[in-house]
Amino acid sequence: MSLLADAFTVICVVAGVGFFAAGTAGLLRFPDTGSRLHALTKADHLGLGLIVLGLLPRAEALGGAFRLLAIWALVLLASAATGPLLARVAQRRDPSA
């Protein structure tokens, strides 16, 4: 059972890191601010979700699992709030974009 849990953790964490890498590539490659923010936030949401999912079996107690889920929820809320604000500020600075 421990080998299965270890494999699940490794697969989820590696997939999460892959989504972070894809978001970083989108941040560096896409032409405008809106598409960069979209690529970054979507990849980060899924990447962090997969990492949290992979770490849940490693949590010592139920409280640790709830903390991991709370961190993920706070990141989702913060990203949902700051992404549109950053896009709006960038659009005001460069209306042609």
PDB file of N, CA and C in Angstrom:
ATOM      1  N   MET A   1       0.824  -1.200   0.000  1.00  0.00           N
ATOM      2  CA  MET A   1       0.000   0.000   0.000  1.00  0.00           C
ATOM      3  C   MET A   1       0.863   1.257   0.000  1.00  0.00           C
ATOM      4  N   SER A   2       1.972   1.217   0.709  1.00  0.00           N
ATOM      5  CA  SER A   2       2.838   2.385   0.776  1.00  0.00           C
ATOM      6  C   SER A   2       3.466   2.664  -0.584  1.00  0.00           C
ATOM      7  N   LEU A   3       3.791   1.626  -1.324  1.00  0.00           N
ATOM      8  CA  LEU A   3       4.362   1.812  -2.651  1.00  0.00           C
ATOM      9  C   LEU A   3       3.349   2.478  -3.588  1.00  0.00           C
ATOM     10  N   LEU A   4       2.100   2.097  -3.466  1.00  0.00           N
ATOM     11  CA  LEU A   4       1.046   2.699  -4.277  1.00  0.00           C
ATOM     12  C   LEU A   4       0.849   4.173  -3.914  1.00  0.00           C
ATOM     13  N   ALA A   5       0.866   4.475  -2.621  1.00  0.00           N
ATOM     14  CA  ALA A   5       0.734   5.873  -2.181  1.00  0.00           C
ATOM     15  C   ALA A   5       1.934   6.697  -2.634  1.00  0.00           C
ATOM     16  N   ASP A   6       3.133   6.107  -2.562  1.00  0.00           N
ATOM     17  CA  ASP A   6       4.325   6.823  -3.029  1.00  0.00           C
ATOM     18  C   ASP A   6       4.252   7.100  -4.519  1.00  0.00           C
ATOM     19  N   ALA A   7       3.812   6.119  -5.292  1.00  0.00           N
ATOM     20  CA  ALA A   7       3.695   6.299  -6.742  1.00  0.00           C
ATOM     21  C   ALA A   7       2.659   7.376  -7.066  1.00  0.00           C
ATOM     22  N   PHE A   8       1.532   7.366  -6.357  1.00  0.00           N
ATOM     23  CA  PHE A   8       0.496   8.376  -6.561  1.00  0.00           C
ATOM     24  C   PHE A   8       1.039   9.765  -6.260  1.00  0.00           C
ATOM     25  N   THR A   9       1.780   9.896  -5.173  1.00  0.00           N
ATOM     26  CA  THR A   9       2.361  11.185  -4.791  1.00  0.00           C
ATOM     27  C   THR A   9       3.333  11.673  -5.852  1.00  0.00           C
ATOM     28  N   VAL A  10       4.205  10.786  -6.302  1.00  0.00           N
ATOM     29  CA  VAL A  10       5.211  11.189  -7.290  1.00  0.00           C
ATOM     30  C   VAL A  10       4.539  11.587  -8.601  1.00  0.00           C
ATOM     31  N   ILE A  11       3.576  10.810  -9.051  1.00  0.00           N
ATOM     32  CA  ILE A  11       2.896  11.119 -10.313  1.00  0.00           C
ATOM     33  C   ILE A  11       2.181  12.459 -10.240  1.00  0.00           C
ATOM     34  N   CYS A  12       1.462  12.702  -9.145  1.00  0.00           N
ATOM     35  CA  CYS A  12       0.727  13.964  -9.014  1.00  0.00           C
ATOM     36  C   CYS A  12       1.661  15.162  -8.903  1.00  0.00           C
ATOM     37  N   VAL A  13       2.726  15.034  -8.130  1.00  0.00           N
ATOM     38  CA  VAL A  13       3.647  16.162  -7.954  1.00  0.00           C
ATOM     39  C   VAL A  13       4.386  16.454  -9.257  1.00  0.00           C
ATOM     40  N   VAL A  14       4.817  15.413  -9.964  1.00  0.00           N
ATOM     41  CA  VAL A  14       5.501  15.638 -11.239  1.00  0.00           C
ATOM     42  C   VAL A  14       4.543  16.264 -12.258  1.00  0.00           C
ATOM     43  N   ALA A  15       3.306  15.818 -12.296  1.00  0.00           N
ATOM     44  CA  ALA A  15       2.327  16.426 -13.198  1.00  0.00           C
ATOM     45  C   ALA A  15       2.076  17.881 -12.816  1.00  0.00           C
ATOM     46  N   GLY A  16       2.006  18.177 -11.527  1.00  0.00           N
ATOM     47  CA  GLY A  16       1.830  19.559 -11.078  1.00  0.00           C
ATOM     48  C   GLY A  16       2.987  20.445 -11.480  1.00  0.00           C
ATOM     49  N   VAL A  17       4.201  19.939 -11.328  1.00  0.00           N
ATOM     50  CA  VAL A  17       5.376  20.708 -11.739  1.00  0.00           C
ATOM     51  C   VAL A  17       5.366  20.916 -13.251  1.00  0.00           C
ATOM     52  N   GLY A  18       4.876  19.920 -13.988  1.00  0.00           N
ATOM     53  CA  GLY A  18       4.756  20.078 -15.435  1.00  0.00           C
ATOM     54  C   GLY A  18       3.797  21.197 -15.811  1.00  0.00           C
ATOM     55  N   PHE A  19       2.684  21.301 -15.079  1.00  0.00           N
ATOM     56  CA  PHE A  19       1.746  22.395 -15.357  1.00  0.00           C
ATOM     57  C   PHE A  19       2.353  23.747 -14.979  1.00  0.00           C
ATOM     58  N   PHE A  20       3.151  23.799 -13.906  1.00  0.00           N
ATOM     59  CA  PHE A  20       3.835  25.047 -13.575  1.00  0.00           C
ATOM     60  C   PHE A  20       4.807  25.435 -14.689  1.00  0.00           C
ATOM     61  N   ALA A  21       5.510  24.451 -15.235  1.00  0.00           N
ATOM     62  CA  ALA A  21       6.443  24.723 -16.330  1.00  0.00           C
ATOM     63  C   ALA A  21       5.697  25.204 -17.571  1.00  0.00           C
ATOM     64  N   ALA A  22       4.552  24.600 -17.859  1.00  0.00           N
ATOM     65  CA  ALA A  22       3.752  25.033 -19.007  1.00  0.00           C
ATOM     66  C   ALA A  22       3.242  26.462 -18.810  1.00  0.00           C
ATOM     67  N   GLY A  23       2.830  26.797 -17.605  1.00  0.00           N
ATOM     68  CA  GLY A  23       2.396  28.165 -17.322  1.00  0.00           C
ATOM     69  C   GLY A  23       3.524  29.164 -17.468  1.00  0.00           C
ATOM     70  N   THR A  24       4.716  28.777 -17.053  1.00  0.00           N
ATOM     71  CA  THR A  24       5.869  29.652 -17.206  1.00  0.00           C
ATOM     72  C   THR A  24       6.215  29.844 -18.676  1.00  0.00           C
ATOM     73  N   ALA A  25       6.119  28.769 -19.453  1.00  0.00           N
ATOM     74  CA  ALA A  25       6.366  28.889 -20.896  1.00  0.00           C
ATOM     75  C   ALA A  25       5.337  29.818 -21.536  1.00  0.00           C
ATOM     76  N   GLY A  26       4.074  29.707 -21.118  1.00  0.00           N
ATOM     77  CA  GLY A  26       3.046  30.605 -21.637  1.00  0.00           C
ATOM     78  C   GLY A  26       3.298  32.044 -21.239  1.00  0.00           C
ATOM     79  N   LEU A  27       3.782  32.243 -20.028  1.00  0.00           N
ATOM     80  CA  LEU A  27       4.099  33.594 -19.559  1.00  0.00           C
ATOM     81  C   LEU A  27       5.206  34.217 -20.407  1.00  0.00           C
ATOM     82  N   LEU A  28       6.175  33.421 -20.774  1.00  0.00           N
ATOM     83  CA  LEU A  28       7.295  33.938 -21.548  1.00  0.00           C
ATOM     84  C   LEU A  28       7.006  34.026 -23.043  1.00  0.00           C
ATOM     85  N   ARG A  29       6.079  33.232 -23.524  1.00  0.00           N
ATOM     86  CA  ARG A  29       5.899  33.106 -24.968  1.00  0.00           C
ATOM     87  C   ARG A  29       4.729  33.903 -25.549  1.00  0.00           C
ATOM     88  N   PHE A  30       3.629  34.027 -24.831  1.00  0.00           N
ATOM     89  CA  PHE A  30       2.451  34.662 -25.403  1.00  0.00           C
ATOM     90  C   PHE A  30       2.661  36.159 -25.578  1.00  0.00           C
ATOM     91  N   PRO A  31       1.977  36.748 -26.572  1.00  0.00           N
ATOM     92  CA  PRO A  31       2.283  38.131 -26.951  1.00  0.00           C
ATOM     93  C   PRO A  31       1.703  39.212 -26.048  1.00  0.00           C
ATOM     94  N   ASP A  32       0.490  39.032 -25.542  1.00  0.00           N
ATOM     95  CA  ASP A  32      -0.113  40.122 -24.784  1.00  0.00           C
ATOM     96  C   ASP A  32      -0.353  39.714 -23.332  1.00  0.00           C
ATOM     97  N   THR A  33      -0.631  40.720 -22.529  1.00  0.00           N
ATOM     98  CA  THR A  33      -0.762  40.509 -21.093  1.00  0.00           C
ATOM     99  C   THR A  33      -1.936  39.612 -20.739  1.00  0.00           C
ATOM    100  N   GLY A  34      -3.062  39.769 -21.413  1.00  0.00           N
ATOM    101  CA  GLY A  34      -4.234  38.961 -21.100  1.00  0.00           C
ATOM    102  C   GLY A  34      -4.001  37.478 -21.313  1.00  0.00           C
ATOM    103  N   SER A  35      -3.407  37.129 -22.454  1.00  0.00           N
ATOM    104  CA  SER A  35      -3.152  35.713 -22.714  1.00  0.00           C
ATOM    105  C   SER A  35      -2.069  35.175 -21.800  1.00  0.00           C
ATOM    106  N   ARG A  36      -1.099  35.990 -21.434  1.00  0.00           N
ATOM    107  CA  ARG A  36      -0.068  35.556 -20.480  1.00  0.00           C
ATOM    108  C   ARG A  36      -0.682  35.257 -19.115  1.00  0.00           C
ATOM    109  N   LEU A  37      -1.527  36.154 -18.654  1.00  0.00           N
ATOM    110  CA  LEU A  37      -2.180  35.942 -17.360  1.00  0.00           C
ATOM    111  C   LEU A  37      -3.091  34.728 -17.393  1.00  0.00           C
ATOM    112  N   HIS A  38      -3.805  34.540 -18.482  1.00  0.00           N
ATOM    113  CA  HIS A  38      -4.704  33.394 -18.605  1.00  0.00           C
ATOM    114  C   HIS A  38      -3.918  32.087 -18.536  1.00  0.00           C
ATOM    115  N   ALA A  39      -2.836  32.008 -19.304  1.00  0.00           N
ATOM    116  CA  ALA A  39      -2.027  30.790 -19.307  1.00  0.00           C
ATOM    117  C   ALA A  39      -1.420  30.539 -17.926  1.00  0.00           C
ATOM    118  N   LEU A  40      -0.939  31.589 -17.316  1.00  0.00           N
ATOM    119  CA  LEU A  40      -0.286  31.432 -16.021  1.00  0.00           C
ATOM    120  C   LEU A  40      -1.264  31.025 -14.932  1.00  0.00           C
ATOM    121  N   THR A  41      -2.408  31.667 -14.862  1.00  0.00           N
ATOM    122  CA  THR A  41      -3.338  31.352 -13.773  1.00  0.00           C
ATOM    123  C   THR A  41      -3.970  29.980 -13.950  1.00  0.00           C
ATOM    124  N   LYS A  42      -4.323  29.613 -15.169  1.00  0.00           N
ATOM    125  CA  LYS A  42      -4.935  28.299 -15.373  1.00  0.00           C
ATOM    126  C   LYS A  42      -3.951  27.180 -15.074  1.00  0.00           C
ATOM    127  N   ALA A  43      -2.723  27.332 -15.548  1.00  0.00           N
ATOM    128  CA  ALA A  43      -1.727  26.297 -15.292  1.00  0.00           C
ATOM    129  C   ALA A  43      -1.371  26.232 -13.805  1.00  0.00           C
ATOM    130  N   ASP A  44      -1.315  27.364 -13.154  1.00  0.00           N
ATOM    131  CA  ASP A  44      -0.983  27.370 -11.728  1.00  0.00           C
ATOM    132  C   ASP A  44      -2.100  26.776 -10.885  1.00  0.00           C
ATOM    133  N   HIS A  45      -3.337  27.039 -11.255  1.00  0.00           N
ATOM    134  CA  HIS A  45      -4.453  26.439 -10.508  1.00  0.00           C
ATOM    135  C   HIS A  45      -4.380  24.922 -10.571  1.00  0.00           C
ATOM    136  N   LEU A  46      -4.214  24.399 -11.758  1.00  0.00           N
ATOM    137  CA  LEU A  46      -4.173  22.949 -11.913  1.00  0.00           C
ATOM    138  C   LEU A  46      -2.876  22.372 -11.347  1.00  0.00           C
ATOM    139  N   GLY A  47      -1.770  23.073 -11.547  1.00  0.00           N
ATOM    140  CA  GLY A  47      -0.494  22.591 -11.018  1.00  0.00           C
ATOM    141  C   GLY A  47      -0.493  22.498  -9.502  1.00  0.00           C
ATOM    142  N   LEU A  48      -0.960  23.542  -8.845  1.00  0.00           N
ATOM    143  CA  LEU A  48      -1.021  23.511  -7.384  1.00  0.00           C
ATOM    144  C   LEU A  48      -2.042  22.495  -6.901  1.00  0.00           C
ATOM    145  N   GLY A  49      -3.154  22.362  -7.617  1.00  0.00           N
ATOM    146  CA  GLY A  49      -4.149  21.360  -7.248  1.00  0.00           C
ATOM    147  C   GLY A  49      -3.584  19.950  -7.309  1.00  0.00           C
ATOM    148  N   LEU A  50      -2.813  19.653  -8.349  1.00  0.00           N
ATOM    149  CA  LEU A  50      -2.207  18.331  -8.453  1.00  0.00           C
ATOM    150  C   LEU A  50      -1.154  18.105  -7.369  1.00  0.00           C
ATOM    151  N   ILE A  51      -0.390  19.124  -7.050  1.00  0.00           N
ATOM    152  CA  ILE A  51       0.607  18.975  -5.988  1.00  0.00           C
ATOM    153  C   ILE A  51      -0.079  18.748  -4.646  1.00  0.00           C
ATOM    154  N   VAL A  52      -1.132  19.502  -4.372  1.00  0.00           N
ATOM    155  CA  VAL A  52      -1.882  19.297  -3.122  1.00  0.00           C
ATOM    156  C   VAL A  52      -2.499  17.903  -3.098  1.00  0.00           C
ATOM    157  N   LEU A  53      -3.057  17.474  -4.212  1.00  0.00           N
ATOM    158  CA  LEU A  53      -3.638  16.133  -4.288  1.00  0.00           C
ATOM    159  C   LEU A  53      -2.585  15.061  -4.029  1.00  0.00           C
ATOM    160  N   GLY A  54      -1.398  15.275  -4.550  1.00  0.00           N
ATOM    161  CA  GLY A  54      -0.321  14.324  -4.309  1.00  0.00           C
ATOM    162  C   GLY A  54       0.175  14.328  -2.881  1.00  0.00           C
ATOM    163  N   LEU A  55       0.102  15.457  -2.215  1.00  0.00           N
ATOM    164  CA  LEU A  55       0.584  15.547  -0.835  1.00  0.00           C
ATOM    165  C   LEU A  55      -0.458  15.134   0.196  1.00  0.00           C
ATOM    166  N   LEU A  56      -1.710  15.048  -0.196  1.00  0.00           N
ATOM    167  CA  LEU A  56      -2.762  14.676   0.762  1.00  0.00           C
ATOM    168  C   LEU A  56      -2.521  13.313   1.424  1.00  0.00           C
ATOM    169  N   PRO A  57      -2.098  12.274   0.684  1.00  0.00           N
ATOM    170  CA  PRO A  57      -1.824  11.004   1.379  1.00  0.00           C
ATOM    171  C   PRO A  57      -0.647  11.082   2.346  1.00  0.00           C
ATOM    172  N   ARG A  58       0.202  12.076   2.203  1.00  0.00           N
ATOM    173  CA  ARG A  58       1.367  12.242   3.083  1.00  0.00           C
ATOM    174  C   ARG A  58       1.044  13.049   4.338  1.00  0.00           C
ATOM    175  N   ALA A  59      -0.142  13.588   4.414  1.00  0.00           N
ATOM    176  CA  ALA A  59      -0.508  14.404   5.578  1.00  0.00           C
ATOM    177  C   ALA A  59      -0.532  13.534   6.825  1.00  0.00           C
ATOM    178  N   GLU A  60       0.039  14.043   7.891  1.00  0.00           N
ATOM    179  CA  GLU A  60       0.133  13.301   9.148  1.00  0.00           C
ATOM    180  C   GLU A  60      -1.247  13.070   9.769  1.00  0.00           C
ATOM    181  N   ALA A  61      -2.068  14.088   9.712  1.00  0.00           N
ATOM    182  CA  ALA A  61      -3.390  13.992  10.335  1.00  0.00           C
ATOM    183  C   ALA A  61      -4.399  14.725   9.453  1.00  0.00           C
ATOM    184  N   LEU A  62      -5.627  14.673   9.856  1.00  0.00           N
ATOM    185  CA  LEU A  62      -6.687  15.320   9.105  1.00  0.00           C
ATOM    186  C   LEU A  62      -6.497  16.838   9.072  1.00  0.00           C
ATOM    187  N   GLY A  63      -5.946  17.388  10.133  1.00  0.00           N
ATOM    188  CA  GLY A  63      -5.684  18.826  10.179  1.00  0.00           C
ATOM    189  C   GLY A  63      -4.680  19.263   9.129  1.00  0.00           C
ATOM    190  N   GLY A  64      -3.668  18.445   8.891  1.00  0.00           N
ATOM    191  CA  GLY A  64      -2.688  18.757   7.859  1.00  0.00           C
ATOM    192  C   GLY A  64      -3.307  18.748   6.473  1.00  0.00           C
ATOM    193  N   ALA A  65      -4.214  17.812   6.243  1.00  0.00           N
ATOM    194  CA  ALA A  65      -4.906  17.748   4.959  1.00  0.00           C
ATOM    195  C   ALA A  65      -5.789  18.980   4.770  1.00  0.00           C
ATOM    196  N   PHE A  66      -6.472  19.382   5.829  1.00  0.00           N
ATOM    197  CA  PHE A  66      -7.304  20.584   5.733  1.00  0.00           C
ATOM    198  C   PHE A  66      -6.464  21.828   5.485  1.00  0.00           C
ATOM    199  N   ARG A  67      -5.271  21.878   6.068  1.00  0.00           N
ATOM    200  CA  ARG A  67      -4.387  23.023   5.835  1.00  0.00           C
ATOM    201  C   ARG A  67      -3.944  23.083   4.364  1.00  0.00           C
ATOM    202  N   LEU A  68      -3.601  21.925   3.813  1.00  0.00           N
ATOM    203  CA  LEU A  68      -3.222  21.899   2.402  1.00  0.00           C
ATOM    204  C   LEU A  68      -4.367  22.382   1.514  1.00  0.00           C
ATOM    205  N   LEU A  69      -5.564  21.910   1.790  1.00  0.00           N
ATOM    206  CA  LEU A  69      -6.724  22.331   1.009  1.00  0.00           C
ATOM    207  C   LEU A  69      -7.033  23.812   1.211  1.00  0.00           C
ATOM    208  N   ALA A  70      -6.815  24.310   2.422  1.00  0.00           N
ATOM    209  CA  ALA A  70      -7.040  25.737   2.696  1.00  0.00           C
ATOM    210  C   ALA A  70      -6.040  26.603   1.937  1.00  0.00           C
ATOM    211  N   ILE A  71      -4.796  26.158   1.871  1.00  0.00           N
ATOM    212  CA  ILE A  71      -3.790  26.905   1.124  1.00  0.00           C
ATOM    213  C   ILE A  71      -4.165  26.964  -0.348  1.00  0.00           C
ATOM    214  N   TRP A  72      -4.598  25.818  -0.884  1.00  0.00           N
ATOM    215  CA  TRP A  72      -5.002  25.791  -2.291  1.00  0.00           C
ATOM    216  C   TRP A  72      -6.195  26.716  -2.531  1.00  0.00           C
ATOM    217  N   ALA A  73      -7.169  26.682  -1.628  1.00  0.00           N
ATOM    218  CA  ALA A  73      -8.347  27.541  -1.776  1.00  0.00           C
ATOM    219  C   ALA A  73      -7.961  29.022  -1.708  1.00  0.00           C
ATOM    220  N   LEU A  74      -7.054  29.376  -0.812  1.00  0.00           N
ATOM    221  CA  LEU A  74      -6.627  30.775  -0.709  1.00  0.00           C
ATOM    222  C   LEU A  74      -5.877  31.231  -1.957  1.00  0.00           C
ATOM    223  N   VAL A  75      -5.064  30.354  -2.513  1.00  0.00           N
ATOM    224  CA  VAL A  75      -4.361  30.699  -3.753  1.00  0.00           C
ATOM    225  C   VAL A  75      -5.357  30.875  -4.895  1.00  0.00           C
ATOM    226  N   LEU A  76      -6.366  30.018  -4.964  1.00  0.00           N
ATOM    227  CA  LEU A  76      -7.395  30.167  -5.999  1.00  0.00           C
ATOM    228  C   LEU A  76      -8.122  31.496  -5.860  1.00  0.00           C
ATOM    229  N   LEU A  77      -8.486  31.859  -4.648  1.00  0.00           N
ATOM    230  CA  LEU A  77      -9.183  33.131  -4.427  1.00  0.00           C
ATOM    231  C   LEU A  77      -8.292  34.326  -4.746  1.00  0.00           C
ATOM    232  N   ALA A  78      -7.043  34.262  -4.309  1.00  0.00           N
ATOM    233  CA  ALA A  78      -6.132  35.380  -4.557  1.00  0.00           C
ATOM    234  C   ALA A  78      -5.862  35.533  -6.051  1.00  0.00           C
ATOM    235  N   SER A  79      -5.698  34.430  -6.734  1.00  0.00           N
ATOM    236  CA  SER A  79      -5.446  34.492  -8.167  1.00  0.00           C
ATOM    237  C   SER A  79      -6.666  34.997  -8.931  1.00  0.00           C
ATOM    238  N   ALA A  80      -7.836  34.572  -8.506  1.00  0.00           N
ATOM    239  CA  ALA A  80      -9.060  35.035  -9.161  1.00  0.00           C
ATOM    240  C   ALA A  80      -9.283  36.528  -8.928  1.00  0.00           C
ATOM    241  N   ALA A  81      -8.786  37.041  -7.836  1.00  0.00           N
ATOM    242  CA  ALA A  81      -8.955  38.469  -7.545  1.00  0.00           C
ATOM    243  C   ALA A  81      -7.888  39.316  -8.228  1.00  0.00           C
ATOM    244  N   THR A  82      -6.647  38.846  -8.256  1.00  0.00           N
ATOM    245  CA  THR A  82      -5.559  39.678  -8.768  1.00  0.00           C
ATOM    246  C   THR A  82      -5.379  39.585 -10.276  1.00  0.00           C
ATOM    247  N   GLY A  83      -5.751  38.467 -10.883  1.00  0.00           N
ATOM    248  CA  GLY A  83      -5.594  38.324 -12.333  1.00  0.00           C
ATOM    249  C   GLY A  83      -6.331  39.388 -13.122  1.00  0.00           C
ATOM    250  N   PRO A  84      -7.635  39.563 -12.906  1.00  0.00           N
ATOM    251  CA  PRO A  84      -8.349  40.616 -13.625  1.00  0.00           C
ATOM    252  C   PRO A  84      -7.861  42.025 -13.289  1.00  0.00           C
ATOM    253  N   LEU A  85      -7.426  42.244 -12.057  1.00  0.00           N
ATOM    254  CA  LEU A  85      -6.898  43.559 -11.696  1.00  0.00           C
ATOM    255  C   LEU A  85      -5.617  43.869 -12.464  1.00  0.00           C
ATOM    256  N   LEU A  86      -4.735  42.882 -12.561  1.00  0.00           N
ATOM    257  CA  LEU A  86      -3.503  43.080 -13.315  1.00  0.00           C
ATOM    258  C   LEU A  86      -3.796  43.310 -14.796  1.00  0.00           C
ATOM    259  N   ALA A  87      -4.751  42.574 -15.343  1.00  0.00           N
ATOM    260  CA  ALA A  87      -5.122  42.754 -16.744  1.00  0.00           C
ATOM    261  C   ALA A  87      -5.695  44.152 -16.988  1.00  0.00           C
ATOM    262  N   ARG A  88      -6.496  44.631 -16.058  1.00  0.00           N
ATOM    263  CA  ARG A  88      -7.090  45.958 -16.200  1.00  0.00           C
ATOM    264  C   ARG A  88      -6.021  47.046 -16.132  1.00  0.00           C
ATOM    265  N   VAL A  89      -5.080  46.903 -15.219  1.00  0.00           N
ATOM    266  CA  VAL A  89      -3.998  47.894 -15.125  1.00  0.00           C
ATOM    267  C   VAL A  89      -3.152  47.882 -16.390  1.00  0.00           C
ATOM    268  N   ALA A  90      -2.859  46.689 -16.912  1.00  0.00           N
ATOM    269  CA  ALA A  90      -2.066  46.608 -18.138  1.00  0.00           C
ATOM    270  C   ALA A  90      -2.819  47.202 -19.318  1.00  0.00           C
ATOM    271  N   GLN A  91      -4.128  47.035 -19.367  1.00  0.00           N
ATOM    272  CA  GLN A  91      -4.920  47.586 -20.466  1.00  0.00           C
ATOM    273  C   GLN A  91      -4.975  49.105 -20.380  1.00  0.00           C
ATOM    274  N   ARG A  92      -5.030  49.646 -19.197  1.00  0.00           N
ATOM    275  CA  ARG A  92      -5.031  51.109 -19.042  1.00  0.00           C
ATOM    276  C   ARG A  92      -3.704  51.718 -19.465  1.00  0.00           C
ATOM    277  N   ARG A  93      -2.625  51.005 -19.222  1.00  0.00           N
ATOM    278  CA  ARG A  93      -1.317  51.534 -19.598  1.00  0.00           C
ATOM    279  C   ARG A  93      -1.070  51.469 -21.100  1.00  0.00           C
ATOM    280  N   ASP A  94      -1.636  50.437 -21.743  1.00  0.00           N
ATOM    281  CA  ASP A  94      -1.464  50.262 -23.182  1.00  0.00           C
ATOM    282  C   ASP A  94      -2.812  49.941 -23.809  1.00  0.00           C
ATOM    283  N   PRO A  95      -3.600  50.947 -24.153  1.00  0.00           N
ATOM    284  CA  PRO A  95      -4.945  50.706 -24.672  1.00  0.00           C
ATOM    285  C   PRO A  95      -4.963  49.989 -26.019  1.00  0.00           C
ATOM    286  N   SER A  96      -3.862  49.987 -26.761  1.00  0.00           N
ATOM    287  CA  SER A  96      -3.839  49.303 -28.059  1.00  0.00           C
ATOM    288  C   SER A  96      -3.766  47.792 -27.902  1.00  0.00           C
ATOM    289  N   ALA A  97      -3.438  47.290 -26.712  1.00  0.00           N
ATOM    290  CA  ALA A  97      -3.298  45.844 -26.513  1.00  0.00           C
ATOM    291  C   ALA A  97      -4.626  45.165 -26.320  1.00  0.00           C
TER     292      ALA A  97
END
